[in-house]
Every structure is written in C-alpha cells, then in structure tokens.
Amino acid sequence: MFETLRDDVRTALAKDPAARNTVEVILTYPGLHAVWLFRVAHALFEGGFPFAARLLSHVTRLLTGVEIHPAADVGDRLFIDHGMGTVVGETAEIGDDVLLYHGVTLGGASMRREKRHPTLGDDVTVGADATLLGPITVGDGATVGAGSVVVEDVPPGTTVAGNPAKPIDDRATDDTSRRAADC
C-alpha cells in the first residue's frame, strides 16, 4: 500500500512541471486525493459495502471536485491534474500511467445496466474538458486533445482532436514545418 502511495506521488512529480516537492504534492493536489479516496471507496464497493462506497465517493467529490464511481476499474499511477470537474463513470476502465486533465468526462451512452463507459489503455493522455462517451476504447499511448468529444474507438498511439474527434495527421504538420524551415 505504501509503495502505491509513493508511486502516486512520484507520478505527480514527474507529470506536473509545477510540482516542487513531495510535501506540496501530498498536501495540495486534489486529483491525487481523489484517487486515494477512490481506492478506499473501491475497496468498500468490492467488499460488499456499496452504500458506504457511494457515500465516500460523494464526500470525495465535495472535497476535490472529482467524481469517480467506486465501481470503476482504475489502474496504477493515474494522475488527475487539477481535477476539478472530472467525472469517471461506473463501468469506466482506466489503464496504468494515465494522465487526465481537469474537466474530463468518461461518460455513459446508455441507460441500461451494461458496459456503457469508455476504456482507456495504458499511457493515455486526455486533455482538459474532453468528453469521451460510450463503451469506446482508447488504445495504449493515445492522446485526446483538449475539448474533444470522442464517440468512436481511438487506435493505439493515435492523437485525436475536435468535435467529433478525428485523428490528427502528424505527417501533415511535419511537412508544413519542413517547408517553413526550408524557406
């Protein structure tokens, strides 16, 4: 357990250039607090105490501005930068080493009791205020641009942006940069 806490602090220090030291991260990072309290709520949920788990997740939302349903499946070293307004739905699955910025929604697209929230692979980055809806999959190493609305699967290693989100062709950017550099 203590190694997990240390990993979370190390992750914050590594992924946030504004993070200055361990004490600052432990005391002032609401995204980190939300993840830690989620882990307690998740253990309660898995242990057969769903009401206590939901109550803790509600209190966590009040304290941090981050709402993670206690039934969500969250991997190691999730970092939620700033956090405010982030929502992770009940059937969401988040891999290891994921970075979410503030205002991200991993939302459902169905009212039925089924898999209805996104699955994020390992090493995924989701920009501020992005909305991912439905039982879609964002592959390992993918990036979702800020403000994007994602309603279709994102292949591994792909960067998507826009509403609706579409892949960004990095080669076009590279060609433009090369042409500009040639002038």
Protein backbone atom coordinates (compact mmCIF):
# COMPACT_ATOMS: atom_id res chain seq x y z
CA MET A 1 0.00 0.00 0.00
CA PHE A 2 2.75 2.49 0.90
CA GLU A 3 4.56 1.70 -2.34
CA THR A 4 1.36 2.59 -4.24
CA LEU A 5 1.17 5.92 -2.40
CA ARG A 6 4.83 6.60 -3.20
CA ASP A 7 4.22 5.74 -6.86
CA ASP A 8 1.32 8.20 -6.98
CA VAL A 9 3.45 11.00 -5.54
CA ARG A 10 6.34 10.18 -7.90
CA THR A 11 3.89 10.23 -10.80
CA ALA A 12 2.60 13.68 -9.83
CA LEU A 13 6.16 14.98 -9.55
CA ALA A 14 7.03 13.50 -12.95
CA LYS A 15 3.91 14.60 -14.85
CA ASP A 16 3.39 18.07 -13.42
CA PRO A 17 6.21 20.54 -14.04
CA ALA A 18 4.67 22.84 -11.40
CA ALA A 19 5.14 20.21 -8.67
CA ARG A 20 8.02 21.33 -6.49
CA ASN A 21 8.31 18.74 -3.74
CA THR A 22 6.72 15.72 -2.10
CA VAL A 23 5.12 17.62 0.77
CA GLU A 24 3.44 20.07 -1.61
CA VAL A 25 2.06 17.22 -3.73
CA ILE A 26 0.76 15.26 -0.73
CA LEU A 27 -0.96 18.27 0.83
CA THR A 28 -2.23 20.28 -2.14
CA TYR A 29 -3.10 18.01 -5.07
CA PRO A 30 -6.87 17.34 -5.19
CA GLY A 31 -6.54 14.90 -8.10
CA LEU A 32 -4.18 12.82 -6.00
CA HIS A 33 -6.53 12.97 -3.01
CA ALA A 34 -9.42 11.90 -5.24
CA VAL A 35 -7.50 8.86 -6.48
CA TRP A 36 -6.51 7.86 -2.94
CA LEU A 37 -10.08 8.20 -1.65
CA PHE A 38 -11.37 6.37 -4.73
CA ARG A 39 -9.19 3.40 -3.82
CA VAL A 40 -10.81 3.25 -0.38
CA ALA A 41 -14.29 3.60 -1.89
CA HIS A 42 -13.48 0.91 -4.48
CA ALA A 43 -12.35 -1.48 -1.73
CA LEU A 44 -15.61 -0.84 0.12
CA PHE A 45 -17.60 -1.43 -3.07
CA GLU A 46 -15.74 -4.65 -3.85
CA GLY A 47 -16.10 -5.72 -0.20
CA GLY A 48 -19.91 -5.62 -0.38
CA PHE A 49 -20.49 -2.15 1.07
CA PRO A 50 -21.87 -0.23 -1.93
CA PHE A 51 -23.72 2.41 0.10
CA ALA A 52 -20.61 3.30 2.12
CA ALA A 53 -18.61 3.36 -1.09
CA ARG A 54 -21.06 5.73 -2.81
CA LEU A 55 -21.19 7.93 0.27
CA LEU A 56 -17.39 8.19 0.35
CA SER A 57 -17.29 8.97 -3.38
CA HIS A 58 -19.85 11.73 -2.81
CA VAL A 59 -17.79 13.25 0.01
CA THR A 60 -14.68 12.96 -2.19
CA ARG A 61 -16.46 14.90 -4.94
CA LEU A 62 -17.38 17.63 -2.46
CA LEU A 63 -13.79 17.87 -1.22
CA THR A 64 -11.90 17.56 -4.52
CA GLY A 65 -14.28 18.35 -7.37
CA VAL A 66 -13.51 14.91 -8.83
CA GLU A 67 -16.16 12.20 -9.11
CA ILE A 68 -15.01 8.63 -9.67
CA HIS A 69 -17.68 5.96 -9.31
CA PRO A 70 -16.45 3.35 -6.81
CA ALA A 71 -17.19 0.52 -9.27
CA ALA A 72 -14.84 1.94 -11.93
CA ASP A 73 -11.72 -0.09 -12.70
CA VAL A 74 -8.66 2.14 -12.29
CA GLY A 75 -5.07 1.06 -12.90
CA ASP A 76 -1.86 2.16 -11.24
CA ARG A 77 -0.39 5.66 -11.31
CA LEU A 78 -3.48 7.51 -12.53
CA PHE A 79 -2.75 11.24 -12.31
CA ILE A 80 -5.57 13.77 -12.50
CA ASP A 81 -4.03 17.22 -12.99
CA HIS A 82 -6.05 19.98 -11.32
CA GLY A 83 -9.03 17.65 -11.22
CA MET A 84 -11.99 20.00 -10.90
CA GLY A 85 -14.98 18.75 -12.85
CA THR A 86 -13.52 15.36 -13.75
CA VAL A 87 -16.12 12.56 -13.88
CA VAL A 88 -15.41 8.84 -14.27
CA GLY A 89 -18.48 6.65 -14.74
CA GLU A 90 -19.37 3.32 -13.18
CA THR A 91 -18.22 0.98 -15.96
CA ALA A 92 -15.16 3.01 -17.00
CA GLU A 93 -11.84 1.21 -17.16
CA ILE A 94 -8.58 3.13 -16.87
CA GLY A 95 -5.19 1.54 -17.54
CA ASP A 96 -1.84 2.26 -15.91
CA ASP A 97 0.06 5.56 -16.19
CA VAL A 98 -2.94 7.55 -17.46
CA LEU A 99 -3.00 11.36 -17.29
CA LEU A 100 -6.36 13.15 -17.15
CA TYR A 101 -6.61 16.92 -17.09
CA HIS A 102 -9.41 18.87 -15.43
CA GLY A 103 -12.95 18.63 -16.70
CA VAL A 104 -12.56 15.24 -18.39
CA THR A 105 -15.73 13.17 -18.58
CA LEU A 106 -15.70 9.42 -19.12
CA GLY A 107 -19.45 9.23 -19.58
CA GLY A 108 -22.07 6.69 -20.43
CA ALA A 109 -24.17 6.50 -23.56
CA SER A 110 -26.84 4.07 -22.36
CA MET A 111 -29.39 3.87 -19.58
CA ARG A 112 -29.11 0.06 -19.39
CA ARG A 113 -27.03 -1.85 -16.84
CA GLU A 114 -24.24 -2.80 -19.22
CA LYS A 115 -20.76 -1.66 -20.19
CA ARG A 116 -21.54 1.94 -21.07
CA HIS A 117 -18.41 3.98 -20.26
CA PRO A 118 -15.01 4.28 -22.00
CA THR A 119 -11.98 2.05 -21.59
CA LEU A 120 -8.59 3.80 -21.59
CA GLY A 121 -5.47 1.77 -22.26
CA ASP A 122 -2.08 2.31 -20.64
CA ASP A 123 -0.15 5.60 -21.09
CA VAL A 124 -3.19 7.52 -22.36
CA THR A 125 -3.39 11.31 -22.02
CA VAL A 126 -6.76 13.08 -22.09
CA GLY A 127 -6.75 16.89 -22.40
CA ALA A 128 -8.80 19.38 -20.40
CA ASP A 129 -12.58 19.34 -20.85
CA ALA A 130 -12.53 16.36 -23.22
CA THR A 131 -15.67 14.24 -23.24
CA LEU A 132 -15.46 10.53 -24.03
CA LEU A 133 -18.84 8.83 -24.34
CA GLY A 134 -19.98 5.25 -24.51
CA PRO A 135 -18.25 1.87 -24.43
CA ILE A 136 -15.39 3.03 -26.64
CA THR A 137 -11.74 2.05 -26.31
CA VAL A 138 -8.83 4.48 -26.36
CA GLY A 139 -5.74 2.42 -27.17
CA ASP A 140 -2.40 2.37 -25.37
CA GLY A 141 -0.35 5.53 -25.81
CA ALA A 142 -3.16 7.54 -27.43
CA THR A 143 -3.76 11.24 -26.80
CA VAL A 144 -7.11 13.03 -26.78
CA GLY A 145 -6.92 16.78 -27.36
CA ALA A 146 -8.46 19.32 -25.01
CA GLY A 147 -12.16 19.97 -25.60
CA SER A 148 -12.56 16.96 -27.86
CA VAL A 149 -15.70 14.84 -27.99
CA VAL A 150 -14.82 11.20 -28.57
CA VAL A 151 -17.57 8.75 -29.55
CA GLU A 152 -15.54 6.19 -31.53
CA ASP A 153 -12.58 3.96 -30.69
CA VAL A 154 -9.12 5.55 -30.82
CA PRO A 155 -6.34 3.28 -32.09
CA PRO A 156 -3.17 2.87 -30.00
CA GLY A 157 -0.65 5.69 -30.38
CA THR A 158 -3.10 7.97 -32.19
CA THR A 159 -3.77 11.61 -31.37
CA VAL A 160 -7.35 12.78 -31.86
CA ALA A 161 -8.91 16.22 -31.53
CA GLY A 162 -12.10 18.06 -32.35
CA ASN A 163 -15.85 17.57 -32.13
CA PRO A 164 -16.32 14.87 -33.14
CA ALA A 165 -12.72 13.83 -32.51
CA LYS A 166 -10.74 12.80 -35.57
CA PRO A 167 -7.14 11.60 -35.89
CA ILE A 168 -4.57 14.32 -36.39
CA ASP A 169 -2.19 13.60 -39.25
CA ASP A 170 1.21 14.30 -37.71
CA ARG A 171 2.85 13.93 -41.14
CA ALA A 172 0.98 16.99 -42.45
CA THR A 173 2.29 19.01 -39.53
CA ASP A 174 5.80 17.69 -40.11
CA ASP A 175 5.64 18.53 -43.85
CA THR A 176 4.41 22.04 -43.10
CA SER A 177 7.19 22.51 -40.56
CA ARG A 178 9.80 21.25 -43.03
CA ARG A 179 8.52 23.57 -45.77
CA ALA A 180 8.56 26.51 -43.37
CA ALA A 181 12.09 25.60 -42.30
CA ASP A 182 13.19 25.37 -45.96
CA CYS A 183 12.13 28.98 -46.66
